[in-house]
Structures are given as C-alpha cells and as structure tokens.
Amino acid sequence: MTSPIKSVTTQDIIRMKQSGRAIAMLTAYDFPTARILDEIGIDAVLVGDSANMVFYGEPNTLSITVDQMIYHTRAVARAVKRALVIADMPFMSYQINADEALRNAGRFLKEAGAAAVKMEGGLPILPTIRRAIEAGIPVMGHLGLVPQSIHRFGGYGVRGRTEDEKGFLKESAVALDEAGCFSMVLEAIPADLAKEISQSVRIPTIGIGAGAGCDGQILVTNDLLGLFEDFQPKFVRRYAELARVMRDAFARYVNDVRERRFPAEHEMY
C-alpha cells in the first residue's frame, strides 16, 4: 500500500532553515505547471501577482484583482499534493484596513485552497500582518523591491543601497519575524545586506535577486523557462528557452497544414 504524500507546512519551511536545508520555490499560475513543480519536489509554490505581467500581459502587477488571484490560486492548489501553496495578496487588497485585509486573506484559504498568503511591505503594515496571523492565516513577508510600490520608488531598481534603506529593511525584517511571519521574500537588495538580514532573523528568507546568503531562492517560472522575453533581470538564470521551442513547433505545424502534410493517414479515424 502506498503511503500518503506528506504535505509541506509552514513549520516545515521554518525547520528547513534550522537544519540548513536550502528552500526551493517557484511561481505557478495554472494546473499543469503546478502539477509538474509538485512532482519534481519543489518545497513551495507561490501564486504570484506577477501573473498580471506574464499571464495577462500588463506592464506591472498593480491591476490584478483578488478574484483573478483566487482563480489562479484555486487551479494551482488543485494540482499540488505536497508543496506549500502561497498566494500573493494583490495591490489594495490589504492596504486599506486590517478588517478588509483579513477578509481577503481568508478567501485565499477558504475559497482557493492556499495554505498561506504573502504581503508586501515592512513596518507600515505590521498591524495588518499581526491581525491575519492572530486569525490563523500564515503570512509570508516581502521586503526590498516591492513591485506594488513601483510608482512610489519610480522603477524596479535595487533597494537597500542607502543607510536609511538598510536601516528600514533590517528593522522591518526583525519586526516581521517577531510578528509571527513564517518566512519573508527579500527582493533585489545587495547580497551582503540580504545575508546580514538572513542571519538576524529566526524565520527563512527567500531571495530573488538578493544573493546566495538567503535561506532559499525563488524565481518567476516564466522567466526561468524563457517564456517571458520582454526583459531579463540580472538575477534570472534561464534554464530553458521554451519560447524558441514553441515558435518552432507552431511554425512547423502551420507549414504542415498549409502543405497538407497534417493530418497524415495514421492520424485519421
């Protein structure tokens, strides 16, 4: 008899840091991708608001809605049997007040099947994060480059280069830890600062453009696969060039149809 698959929990993620085991995370927005990620043993899957760019073709993450994110999270959660599923809270779903944030966060667990949510920001949103955690909703923090604040910072540049920014990030990281977050993303900050923060908190740090000193790493899957070609950040390693493969396959299909080579006799009923 096959033993049941043990699901990864938020506490497992914390224990991975304690044991020194690097945490591997990727994004997913659909059932087939999430199923493959789960099958190969990914530790956690983030249903990122990056879907707004790589799935919907928008220029940033701001316009995606809670309902859209729940739609994608539900598809991912249905596919995953082992990995921890974390849903991004989209822009303005948690910034207005703690009550609305709690209602929206609860929907991701109740309606979509996520095990946790992620919120961008540090000290200013601590009351909201605490409220969610007190209600039993695990929260992943997110510091550094916070894409939902792109208009405030004027772009996607590296954060934490000035002394003021360094102080804010370090103070916020400790505060997220003390508030009860089970982990935090560190995005686009200098590697030495990310390492310092990782060593100063008890919970895991998951880096994206934050160097090798973090407790784990995450990339946008469409970037890793070479499916999103609009731009390639310095920190993205392309493990495949699937856009090229797809173009070639589609072009050969079109040519075969036009030349009446498809369908062949063995492909007919």
Protein backbone atom coordinates (compact mmCIF):
# COMPACT_ATOMS: atom_id res chain seq x y z
CA MET A 1 0.00 0.00 0.00
CA THR A 2 1.41 3.40 -0.97
CA SER A 3 1.91 5.76 1.96
CA PRO A 4 0.16 9.14 1.66
CA ILE A 5 2.18 12.11 0.45
CA LYS A 6 3.19 14.37 3.34
CA SER A 7 2.31 17.97 2.65
CA VAL A 8 4.89 20.65 3.35
CA THR A 9 3.71 23.02 6.08
CA THR A 10 4.82 26.47 7.19
CA GLN A 11 6.55 24.83 10.14
CA ASP A 12 8.44 22.55 7.76
CA ILE A 13 9.70 25.65 5.95
CA ILE A 14 10.95 27.08 9.24
CA ARG A 15 12.63 23.77 10.12
CA MET A 16 14.43 23.79 6.77
CA LYS A 17 16.23 26.94 7.85
CA GLN A 18 17.03 25.45 11.24
CA SER A 19 18.55 22.38 9.60
CA GLY A 20 20.46 24.36 6.98
CA ARG A 21 18.48 22.95 4.06
CA ALA A 22 18.09 25.42 1.20
CA ILE A 23 14.45 26.11 0.27
CA ALA A 24 13.46 25.93 -3.40
CA MET A 25 10.43 27.94 -4.56
CA LEU A 26 8.94 28.86 -7.94
CA THR A 27 5.78 30.57 -9.15
CA ALA A 28 2.83 28.91 -10.84
CA TYR A 29 -0.46 30.23 -12.18
CA ASP A 30 -2.09 27.13 -13.71
CA PHE A 31 -2.83 23.47 -13.04
CA PRO A 32 -0.31 21.74 -15.36
CA THR A 33 2.67 23.86 -14.30
CA ALA A 34 1.84 23.45 -10.62
CA ARG A 35 1.48 19.69 -11.01
CA ILE A 36 4.91 19.38 -12.61
CA LEU A 37 6.50 21.55 -9.92
CA ASP A 38 4.91 19.40 -7.24
CA GLU A 39 6.03 16.18 -8.91
CA ILE A 40 9.69 17.23 -9.02
CA GLY A 41 9.67 18.04 -5.30
CA ILE A 42 9.53 21.83 -5.11
CA ASP A 43 9.19 22.97 -1.49
CA ALA A 44 6.70 25.77 -2.05
CA VAL A 45 4.74 27.29 -4.92
CA LEU A 46 3.92 30.99 -4.98
CA VAL A 47 0.87 32.04 -6.95
CA GLY A 48 2.42 35.43 -7.67
CA ASP A 49 0.73 38.64 -8.71
CA SER A 50 3.43 38.51 -11.38
CA ALA A 51 0.65 36.69 -13.27
CA ASN A 52 -0.54 40.15 -14.21
CA MET A 53 2.58 40.58 -16.34
CA VAL A 54 3.49 37.10 -17.56
CA PHE A 55 -0.08 35.77 -17.95
CA TYR A 56 -2.18 38.86 -18.73
CA GLY A 57 0.49 40.97 -20.44
CA GLU A 58 0.08 44.03 -18.22
CA PRO A 59 3.07 46.35 -17.67
CA ASN A 60 3.14 45.84 -13.89
CA THR A 61 1.42 43.90 -11.09
CA LEU A 62 -0.99 46.61 -9.95
CA SER A 63 -4.24 45.90 -11.79
CA ILE A 64 -4.77 42.22 -10.97
CA THR A 65 -7.77 41.66 -8.70
CA VAL A 66 -8.48 39.42 -5.74
CA ASP A 67 -10.91 37.40 -7.85
CA GLN A 68 -8.30 36.86 -10.55
CA MET A 69 -5.73 35.77 -7.98
CA ILE A 70 -8.21 33.40 -6.36
CA TYR A 71 -8.92 31.89 -9.79
CA HIS A 72 -5.23 31.15 -10.34
CA THR A 73 -4.66 30.00 -6.77
CA ARG A 74 -7.53 27.54 -6.97
CA ALA A 75 -6.07 26.00 -10.13
CA VAL A 76 -2.64 25.65 -8.52
CA ALA A 77 -3.98 24.27 -5.24
CA ARG A 78 -5.93 21.58 -7.11
CA ALA A 79 -2.72 20.37 -8.74
CA VAL A 80 -0.48 20.38 -5.69
CA LYS A 81 -0.43 17.43 -3.31
CA ARG A 82 2.83 18.08 -1.43
CA ALA A 83 4.26 21.58 -1.80
CA LEU A 84 3.20 24.56 0.28
CA VAL A 85 0.90 26.85 -1.74
CA ILE A 86 1.26 30.57 -1.01
CA ALA A 87 -0.95 33.22 -2.61
CA ASP A 88 0.10 36.79 -3.28
CA MET A 89 -2.26 39.40 -1.86
CA PRO A 90 -2.77 41.84 -4.76
CA PHE A 91 -2.45 45.61 -4.63
CA MET A 92 -5.10 47.32 -2.45
CA SER A 93 -6.42 44.03 -1.07
CA TYR A 94 -4.72 44.60 2.29
CA GLN A 95 -3.60 48.24 2.38
CA ILE A 96 -6.96 49.89 3.17
CA ASN A 97 -7.51 48.49 6.67
CA ALA A 98 -6.91 45.34 8.68
CA ASP A 99 -10.55 44.20 8.53
CA GLU A 100 -10.64 44.20 4.73
CA ALA A 101 -7.21 42.57 4.60
CA LEU A 102 -8.41 39.81 6.89
CA ARG A 103 -11.49 39.14 4.76
CA ASN A 104 -9.44 38.99 1.58
CA ALA A 105 -6.71 36.83 3.10
CA GLY A 106 -9.33 34.43 4.42
CA ARG A 107 -10.75 33.99 0.93
CA PHE A 108 -7.43 32.65 -0.32
CA LEU A 109 -7.51 29.88 2.27
CA LYS A 110 -11.25 29.21 2.28
CA GLU A 111 -12.13 29.56 -1.41
CA ALA A 112 -8.84 28.92 -3.20
CA GLY A 113 -7.12 26.29 -1.07
CA ALA A 114 -3.93 28.21 -0.32
CA ALA A 115 -2.04 27.44 2.88
CA ALA A 116 -0.63 30.96 3.33
CA VAL A 117 -0.62 34.47 1.86
CA LYS A 118 2.15 36.93 1.06
CA MET A 119 2.02 40.67 1.75
CA GLU A 120 4.50 43.29 0.53
CA GLY A 121 5.95 45.81 2.94
CA GLY A 122 7.55 46.14 6.34
CA LEU A 123 6.86 48.28 9.37
CA PRO A 124 3.82 50.18 7.98
CA ILE A 125 1.73 47.03 7.50
CA LEU A 126 2.68 45.22 10.72
CA PRO A 127 -0.76 45.68 12.35
CA THR A 128 -2.40 44.09 9.31
CA ILE A 129 0.03 41.19 9.31
CA ARG A 130 -0.49 40.59 13.03
CA ARG A 131 -4.26 40.62 12.57
CA ALA A 132 -4.10 37.93 9.89
CA ILE A 133 -1.72 35.75 11.89
CA GLU A 134 -3.87 36.06 15.01
CA ALA A 135 -6.81 34.82 12.94
CA GLY A 136 -4.84 31.72 11.95
CA ILE A 137 -3.69 32.81 8.49
CA PRO A 138 0.04 32.20 7.90
CA VAL A 139 1.78 35.20 6.35
CA MET A 140 4.96 35.45 4.29
CA GLY A 141 6.52 38.92 4.31
CA HIS A 142 8.20 40.68 1.40
CA LEU A 143 10.93 43.31 1.70
CA GLY A 144 13.27 45.17 -0.63
CA LEU A 145 11.93 45.79 -4.09
CA VAL A 146 8.17 45.67 -3.61
CA PRO A 147 6.60 45.74 -7.09
CA GLN A 148 3.25 47.01 -5.83
CA SER A 149 5.03 50.26 -4.83
CA ILE A 150 6.70 50.80 -8.22
CA HIS A 151 5.21 54.26 -8.65
CA ARG A 152 6.44 55.35 -5.24
CA PHE A 153 10.03 54.34 -5.98
CA GLY A 154 9.99 55.19 -9.68
CA GLY A 155 11.06 51.82 -11.03
CA TYR A 156 12.41 48.36 -10.33
CA GLY A 157 15.84 49.37 -9.02
CA VAL A 158 17.81 47.71 -6.25
CA ARG A 159 16.75 48.67 -2.71
CA GLY A 160 18.94 48.92 0.38
CA ARG A 161 21.87 50.86 -1.00
CA THR A 162 21.47 53.91 1.28
CA GLU A 163 21.92 53.81 5.04
CA ASP A 164 18.30 54.83 5.57
CA GLU A 165 17.03 51.99 3.38
CA LYS A 166 19.35 49.49 5.03
CA GLY A 167 18.10 50.51 8.46
CA PHE A 168 14.47 50.27 7.39
CA LEU A 169 14.94 46.82 5.86
CA LYS A 170 16.80 45.43 8.85
CA GLU A 171 14.28 46.83 11.32
CA SER A 172 11.36 45.60 9.21
CA ALA A 173 12.84 42.09 8.91
CA VAL A 174 13.14 41.73 12.67
CA ALA A 175 9.62 43.11 13.10
CA LEU A 176 8.18 40.61 10.60
CA ASP A 177 9.91 37.81 12.46
CA GLU A 178 8.59 38.99 15.82
CA ALA A 179 5.09 39.49 14.39
CA GLY A 180 4.91 35.78 13.55
CA CYS A 181 5.56 35.61 9.80
CA PHE A 182 6.77 32.13 8.83
CA SER A 183 9.16 33.45 6.17
CA MET A 184 9.93 36.50 4.05
CA VAL A 185 10.95 37.27 0.48
CA LEU A 186 13.96 39.54 0.03
CA GLU A 187 13.88 41.04 -3.46
CA ALA A 188 16.58 42.99 -5.29
CA ILE A 189 18.77 44.01 -2.38
CA PRO A 190 22.58 43.81 -2.07
CA ALA A 191 23.83 40.30 -1.29
CA ASP A 192 25.73 41.34 1.83
CA LEU A 193 22.64 43.05 3.28
CA ALA A 194 20.45 40.03 2.48
CA LYS A 195 22.94 37.75 4.22
CA GLU A 196 23.02 40.02 7.27
CA ILE A 197 19.24 40.06 7.46
CA SER A 198 19.05 36.27 7.00
CA GLN A 199 21.40 35.76 9.92
CA SER A 200 19.49 38.20 12.13
CA VAL A 201 16.06 36.56 11.94
CA ARG A 202 14.75 33.17 13.00
CA ILE A 203 12.49 32.66 10.00
CA PRO A 204 13.65 31.74 6.49
CA THR A 205 14.50 34.38 3.92
CA ILE A 206 13.71 33.57 0.30
CA GLY A 207 15.84 35.54 -2.13
CA ILE A 208 15.08 36.84 -5.59
CA GLY A 209 17.96 38.97 -6.75
CA ALA A 210 19.30 39.01 -3.19
CA GLY A 211 22.35 36.78 -3.44
CA ALA A 212 23.32 33.36 -2.13
CA GLY A 213 23.17 34.22 1.56
CA CYS A 214 19.40 33.76 1.80
CA ASP A 215 17.83 30.59 3.18
CA GLY A 216 16.13 29.83 -0.12
CA GLN A 217 15.52 31.11 -3.62
CA ILE A 218 12.54 31.88 -5.84
CA LEU A 219 12.19 32.83 -9.49
CA VAL A 220 9.24 33.54 -11.74
CA THR A 221 8.78 30.27 -13.62
CA ASN A 222 8.09 32.02 -16.93
CA ASP A 223 11.47 33.77 -16.61
CA LEU A 224 13.28 30.53 -15.77
CA LEU A 225 11.74 28.78 -18.78
CA GLY A 226 12.44 31.59 -21.23
CA LEU A 227 8.73 32.14 -21.87
CA PHE A 228 8.71 35.78 -20.81
CA GLU A 229 11.00 37.68 -23.15
CA ASP A 230 10.12 41.34 -22.60
CA PHE A 231 13.11 41.76 -20.30
CA GLN A 232 15.53 39.59 -18.32
CA PRO A 233 16.67 40.82 -14.88
CA LYS A 234 20.30 40.23 -13.94
CA PHE A 235 19.31 37.68 -11.30
CA VAL A 236 17.32 35.43 -13.66
CA ARG A 237 19.02 32.26 -14.86
CA ARG A 238 17.37 30.84 -17.97
CA TYR A 239 17.18 27.06 -17.60
CA ALA A 240 15.36 26.71 -20.92
CA GLU A 241 14.36 28.74 -23.97
CA LEU A 242 10.83 27.45 -24.38
CA ALA A 243 9.61 30.44 -26.37
CA ARG A 244 12.00 29.44 -29.14
CA VAL A 245 10.87 25.80 -28.94
CA MET A 246 7.22 26.85 -29.10
CA ARG A 247 7.76 29.16 -32.06
CA ASP A 248 9.48 26.37 -33.96
CA ALA A 249 6.73 23.84 -33.15
CA PHE A 250 3.93 26.24 -34.09
CA ALA A 251 5.66 27.23 -37.33
CA ARG A 252 6.16 23.58 -38.34
CA TYR A 253 2.50 22.83 -37.61
CA VAL A 254 1.30 25.78 -39.70
CA ASN A 255 3.58 24.72 -42.55
CA ASP A 256 2.39 21.10 -42.38
CA VAL A 257 -1.26 22.20 -42.50
CA ARG A 258 -0.67 24.51 -45.45
CA GLU A 259 1.30 21.85 -47.31
CA ARG A 260 -1.39 19.28 -46.43
CA ARG A 261 1.08 17.05 -44.58
CA PHE A 262 -1.13 17.13 -41.48
CA PRO A 263 -3.10 15.11 -40.69
CA ALA A 264 -1.39 12.02 -42.10
CA GLU A 265 -3.27 8.77 -42.74
CA HIS A 266 -2.28 7.26 -39.40
CA GLU A 267 -3.72 10.34 -37.64
CA MET A 268 -7.21 9.91 -39.11
CA TYR A 269 -10.18 7.78 -37.97
